[in-house]
């Protein structure tokens, strides 16, 4: 595998393209369990009818964990929006359509986002009153097994 063409850099990982593959290389201190869980989540979502890249392998590269998956050719909606601002509303509609399609899928074996958020609130350094308020508000949200893209949640 060639780690020459960087296509994304995040705080804890760098994503490369090597021909028809994407290689997501995590920082050395990234949890092995979290990486394996991410690969498992992606594999479970592959079982839906969504057009997502398939996981090909989980490996180590230079003592760093990596997830290798298919590369899907094309531009991101963000790139299209930036390149042709006159079609921004059309691309935004497409983004909403994609989100609605994703949210229509049930993936019952995925970890529940509500459970994760409850845990993160509990582990936070927020004061007790704020934690209680957040737990209460989270509990009021609907329960379910619908698919939700974690990166989009983080961006909000």
C-alpha atoms as a PDB file:
ATOM      1  CA  UNK A   1       0.000   0.000   0.000  1.00  0.00           C
ATOM      2  CA  UNK A   2       1.196   3.451  -0.893  1.00  0.00           C
ATOM      3  CA  UNK A   3       0.550   6.231   1.593  1.00  0.00           C
ATOM      4  CA  UNK A   4       1.311   9.069  -0.795  1.00  0.00           C
ATOM      5  CA  UNK A   5      -1.971  10.766  -1.710  1.00  0.00           C
ATOM      6  CA  UNK A   6      -3.598  12.339   1.347  1.00  0.00           C
ATOM      7  CA  UNK A   7      -7.322  12.958   0.855  1.00  0.00           C
ATOM      8  CA  UNK A   8      -8.260  14.013   4.423  1.00  0.00           C
ATOM      9  CA  UNK A   9      -6.581  14.898   7.697  1.00  0.00           C
ATOM     10  CA  UNK A  10      -8.440  14.770  11.004  1.00  0.00           C
ATOM     11  CA  UNK A  11      -7.265  15.222  14.589  1.00  0.00           C
ATOM     12  CA  UNK A  12      -6.718  11.490  15.170  1.00  0.00           C
ATOM     13  CA  UNK A  13      -6.308  10.084  11.671  1.00  0.00           C
ATOM     14  CA  UNK A  14      -5.090  10.644   8.141  1.00  0.00           C
ATOM     15  CA  UNK A  15      -6.903   9.228   5.125  1.00  0.00           C
ATOM     16  CA  UNK A  16      -4.997   8.219   1.994  1.00  0.00           C
ATOM     17  CA  UNK A  17      -6.021   7.030  -1.438  1.00  0.00           C
ATOM     18  CA  UNK A  18      -4.147   4.224  -3.143  1.00  0.00           C
ATOM     19  CA  UNK A  19      -5.766   3.521  -6.535  1.00  0.00           C
ATOM     20  CA  UNK A  20      -9.129   1.878  -5.744  1.00  0.00           C
ATOM     21  CA  UNK A  21      -8.574   1.809  -1.970  1.00  0.00           C
ATOM     22  CA  UNK A  22      -8.909   4.251   0.896  1.00  0.00           C
ATOM     23  CA  UNK A  23      -6.570   3.781   3.858  1.00  0.00           C
ATOM     24  CA  UNK A  24      -7.581   5.449   7.113  1.00  0.00           C
ATOM     25  CA  UNK A  25      -4.495   5.490   9.354  1.00  0.00           C
ATOM     26  CA  UNK A  26      -5.107   6.295  13.013  1.00  0.00           C
ATOM     27  CA  UNK A  27      -2.651   7.906  15.443  1.00  0.00           C
ATOM     28  CA  UNK A  28      -0.544   5.443  17.463  1.00  0.00           C
ATOM     29  CA  UNK A  29      -2.417   6.202  20.684  1.00  0.00           C
ATOM     30  CA  UNK A  30      -5.838   5.526  19.141  1.00  0.00           C
ATOM     31  CA  UNK A  31      -7.679   2.708  20.891  1.00  0.00           C
ATOM     32  CA  UNK A  32      -7.539  -0.661  19.129  1.00  0.00           C
ATOM     33  CA  UNK A  33     -11.048  -1.390  20.404  1.00  0.00           C
ATOM     34  CA  UNK A  34     -12.382   1.845  18.879  1.00  0.00           C
ATOM     35  CA  UNK A  35     -10.803   1.044  15.500  1.00  0.00           C
ATOM     36  CA  UNK A  36     -12.183  -2.490  15.456  1.00  0.00           C
ATOM     37  CA  UNK A  37     -15.586  -1.127  16.503  1.00  0.00           C
ATOM     38  CA  UNK A  38     -15.520   1.419  13.666  1.00  0.00           C
ATOM     39  CA  UNK A  39     -14.735  -1.326  11.145  1.00  0.00           C
ATOM     40  CA  UNK A  40     -17.499  -3.507  12.611  1.00  0.00           C
ATOM     41  CA  UNK A  41     -19.993  -0.637  12.412  1.00  0.00           C
ATOM     42  CA  UNK A  42     -19.093  -0.016   8.782  1.00  0.00           C
ATOM     43  CA  UNK A  43     -19.450  -3.732   8.002  1.00  0.00           C
ATOM     44  CA  UNK A  44     -22.895  -3.766   9.622  1.00  0.00           C
ATOM     45  CA  UNK A  45     -24.003  -0.742   7.583  1.00  0.00           C
ATOM     46  CA  UNK A  46     -22.743  -2.494   4.435  1.00  0.00           C
ATOM     47  CA  UNK A  47     -25.655  -4.907   4.961  1.00  0.00           C
ATOM     48  CA  UNK A  48     -28.122  -2.116   4.131  1.00  0.00           C
ATOM     49  CA  UNK A  49     -28.808  -0.987   0.571  1.00  0.00           C
ATOM     50  CA  UNK A  50     -26.755   2.196   1.079  1.00  0.00           C
ATOM     51  CA  UNK A  51     -23.906   2.872  -1.330  1.00  0.00           C
ATOM     52  CA  UNK A  52     -20.998   2.900   1.100  1.00  0.00           C
ATOM     53  CA  UNK A  53     -17.406   1.718   0.697  1.00  0.00           C
ATOM     54  CA  UNK A  54     -16.860  -1.851   1.842  1.00  0.00           C
ATOM     55  CA  UNK A  55     -14.231  -2.649   4.456  1.00  0.00           C
ATOM     56  CA  UNK A  56     -11.470  -4.720   2.884  1.00  0.00           C
ATOM     57  CA  UNK A  57      -9.194  -5.165   5.899  1.00  0.00           C
ATOM     58  CA  UNK A  58      -8.030  -3.871   9.255  1.00  0.00           C
ATOM     59  CA  UNK A  59      -4.254  -3.847   9.541  1.00  0.00           C
ATOM     60  CA  UNK A  60      -1.237  -2.136  11.089  1.00  0.00           C
ATOM     61  CA  UNK A  61       1.019   0.203   9.137  1.00  0.00           C
ATOM     62  CA  UNK A  62       4.169   1.499  10.853  1.00  0.00           C
ATOM     63  CA  UNK A  63       2.752   0.509  14.256  1.00  0.00           C
ATOM     64  CA  UNK A  64      -0.492   2.396  13.566  1.00  0.00           C
ATOM     65  CA  UNK A  65      -3.883   0.763  13.091  1.00  0.00           C
ATOM     66  CA  UNK A  66      -5.543   1.289   9.717  1.00  0.00           C
ATOM     67  CA  UNK A  67      -8.851   0.493   8.074  1.00  0.00           C
ATOM     68  CA  UNK A  68      -8.636  -0.242   4.351  1.00  0.00           C
ATOM     69  CA  UNK A  69     -11.831   0.148   2.356  1.00  0.00           C
ATOM     70  CA  UNK A  70     -13.006   0.641  -1.192  1.00  0.00           C
ATOM     71  CA  UNK A  71     -12.569   4.067  -2.755  1.00  0.00           C
ATOM     72  CA  UNK A  72     -15.723   5.465  -4.327  1.00  0.00           C
ATOM     73  CA  UNK A  73     -14.870   7.795  -7.197  1.00  0.00           C
ATOM     74  CA  UNK A  74     -16.428  11.241  -7.286  1.00  0.00           C
ATOM     75  CA  UNK A  75     -16.611  14.629  -5.646  1.00  0.00           C
ATOM     76  CA  UNK A  76     -18.103  15.286  -2.246  1.00  0.00           C
ATOM     77  CA  UNK A  77     -21.196  17.443  -1.926  1.00  0.00           C
ATOM     78  CA  UNK A  78     -19.036  19.992  -0.105  1.00  0.00           C
ATOM     79  CA  UNK A  79     -16.720  20.170  -3.135  1.00  0.00           C
ATOM     80  CA  UNK A  80     -19.660  20.525  -5.528  1.00  0.00           C
ATOM     81  CA  UNK A  81     -21.205  23.270  -3.380  1.00  0.00           C
ATOM     82  CA  UNK A  82     -17.913  25.148  -3.319  1.00  0.00           C
ATOM     83  CA  UNK A  83     -17.337  24.797  -7.082  1.00  0.00           C
ATOM     84  CA  UNK A  84     -20.835  25.796  -8.241  1.00  0.00           C
ATOM     85  CA  UNK A  85     -22.530  28.104  -5.755  1.00  0.00           C
ATOM     86  CA  UNK A  86     -25.431  28.655  -8.166  1.00  0.00           C
ATOM     87  CA  UNK A  87     -26.513  25.033  -7.493  1.00  0.00           C
ATOM     88  CA  UNK A  88     -26.033  25.249  -3.704  1.00  0.00           C
ATOM     89  CA  UNK A  89     -29.756  24.762  -2.942  1.00  0.00           C
ATOM     90  CA  UNK A  90     -29.916  21.738  -5.259  1.00  0.00           C
ATOM     91  CA  UNK A  91     -26.903  20.156  -3.541  1.00  0.00           C
ATOM     92  CA  UNK A  92     -28.344  20.941  -0.115  1.00  0.00           C
ATOM     93  CA  UNK A  93     -31.578  19.181  -1.143  1.00  0.00           C
ATOM     94  CA  UNK A  94     -29.495  16.169  -2.235  1.00  0.00           C
ATOM     95  CA  UNK A  95     -27.706  16.215   1.130  1.00  0.00           C
ATOM     96  CA  UNK A  96     -31.063  16.147   2.942  1.00  0.00           C
ATOM     97  CA  UNK A  97     -32.289  13.315   0.673  1.00  0.00           C
ATOM     98  CA  UNK A  98     -29.165  11.281   1.492  1.00  0.00           C
ATOM     99  CA  UNK A  99     -29.681  11.881   5.217  1.00  0.00           C
ATOM    100  CA  UNK A 100     -33.337  10.872   4.987  1.00  0.00           C
ATOM    101  CA  UNK A 101     -32.417   7.679   3.127  1.00  0.00           C
ATOM    102  CA  UNK A 102     -29.776   6.873   5.748  1.00  0.00           C
ATOM    103  CA  UNK A 103     -32.206   7.524   8.614  1.00  0.00           C
ATOM    104  CA  UNK A 104     -34.723   5.165   6.989  1.00  0.00           C
ATOM    105  CA  UNK A 105     -32.363   2.221   7.539  1.00  0.00           C
ATOM    106  CA  UNK A 106     -32.473   0.116  10.662  1.00  0.00           C
ATOM    107  CA  UNK A 107     -29.235  -1.435  11.876  1.00  0.00           C
ATOM    108  CA  UNK A 108     -30.192  -2.993  15.214  1.00  0.00           C
ATOM    109  CA  UNK A 109     -26.737  -4.413  15.979  1.00  0.00           C
ATOM    110  CA  UNK A 110     -25.071  -0.995  16.033  1.00  0.00           C
ATOM    111  CA  UNK A 111     -24.341   0.552  19.405  1.00  0.00           C
ATOM    112  CA  UNK A 112     -27.054   2.990  20.390  1.00  0.00           C
ATOM    113  CA  UNK A 113     -26.108   6.660  19.968  1.00  0.00           C
ATOM    114  CA  UNK A 114     -28.185   7.530  23.042  1.00  0.00           C
ATOM    115  CA  UNK A 115     -26.106   5.144  25.163  1.00  0.00           C
ATOM    116  CA  UNK A 116     -22.895   6.665  23.822  1.00  0.00           C
ATOM    117  CA  UNK A 117     -24.065  10.227  24.523  1.00  0.00           C
ATOM    118  CA  UNK A 118     -25.174   9.247  28.059  1.00  0.00           C
ATOM    119  CA  UNK A 119     -21.731   7.793  28.698  1.00  0.00           C
ATOM    120  CA  UNK A 120     -19.960  10.851  27.278  1.00  0.00           C
ATOM    121  CA  UNK A 121     -22.078  13.197  29.417  1.00  0.00           C
ATOM    122  CA  UNK A 122     -21.299  11.127  32.525  1.00  0.00           C
ATOM    123  CA  UNK A 123     -17.573  11.129  31.752  1.00  0.00           C
ATOM    124  CA  UNK A 124     -17.454  14.863  31.069  1.00  0.00           C
ATOM    125  CA  UNK A 125     -16.066  17.482  33.428  1.00  0.00           C
ATOM    126  CA  UNK A 126     -19.311  19.464  33.305  1.00  0.00           C
ATOM    127  CA  UNK A 127     -20.875  20.420  36.613  1.00  0.00           C
ATOM    128  CA  UNK A 128     -23.540  18.109  38.071  1.00  0.00           C
ATOM    129  CA  UNK A 129     -26.447  20.429  37.225  1.00  0.00           C
ATOM    130  CA  UNK A 130     -25.448  20.667  33.562  1.00  0.00           C
ATOM    131  CA  UNK A 131     -24.882  16.897  33.338  1.00  0.00           C
ATOM    132  CA  UNK A 132     -28.323  16.280  34.883  1.00  0.00           C
ATOM    133  CA  UNK A 133     -29.951  18.700  32.424  1.00  0.00           C
ATOM    134  CA  UNK A 134     -28.222  17.038  29.460  1.00  0.00           C
ATOM    135  CA  UNK A 135     -29.155  13.531  30.666  1.00  0.00           C
ATOM    136  CA  UNK A 136     -32.788  14.645  31.084  1.00  0.00           C
ATOM    137  CA  UNK A 137     -32.923  16.204  27.627  1.00  0.00           C
ATOM    138  CA  UNK A 138     -31.293  13.152  26.069  1.00  0.00           C
ATOM    139  CA  UNK A 139     -33.757  10.814  27.798  1.00  0.00           C
ATOM    140  CA  UNK A 140     -36.641  12.792  26.272  1.00  0.00           C
ATOM    141  CA  UNK A 141     -35.391  11.995  22.776  1.00  0.00           C
ATOM    142  CA  UNK A 142     -36.969   9.057  20.906  1.00  0.00           C
ATOM    143  CA  UNK A 143     -35.489   5.586  21.213  1.00  0.00           C
ATOM    144  CA  UNK A 144     -34.755   3.615  18.070  1.00  0.00           C
ATOM    145  CA  UNK A 145     -32.378   1.656  15.893  1.00  0.00           C
ATOM    146  CA  UNK A 146     -32.253   4.001  12.901  1.00  0.00           C
ATOM    147  CA  UNK A 147     -28.905   4.690  11.312  1.00  0.00           C
ATOM    148  CA  UNK A 148     -27.182   7.987  12.138  1.00  0.00           C
ATOM    149  CA  UNK A 149     -23.815   9.048  10.712  1.00  0.00           C
ATOM    150  CA  UNK A 150     -21.456   9.760  13.623  1.00  0.00           C
ATOM    151  CA  UNK A 151     -19.280  12.278  11.753  1.00  0.00           C
ATOM    152  CA  UNK A 152     -22.307  14.434  11.026  1.00  0.00           C
ATOM    153  CA  UNK A 153     -23.199  14.433  14.726  1.00  0.00           C
ATOM    154  CA  UNK A 154     -19.643  15.522  15.579  1.00  0.00           C
ATOM    155  CA  UNK A 155     -19.819  18.373  13.067  1.00  0.00           C
ATOM    156  CA  UNK A 156     -22.931  19.887  14.654  1.00  0.00           C
END
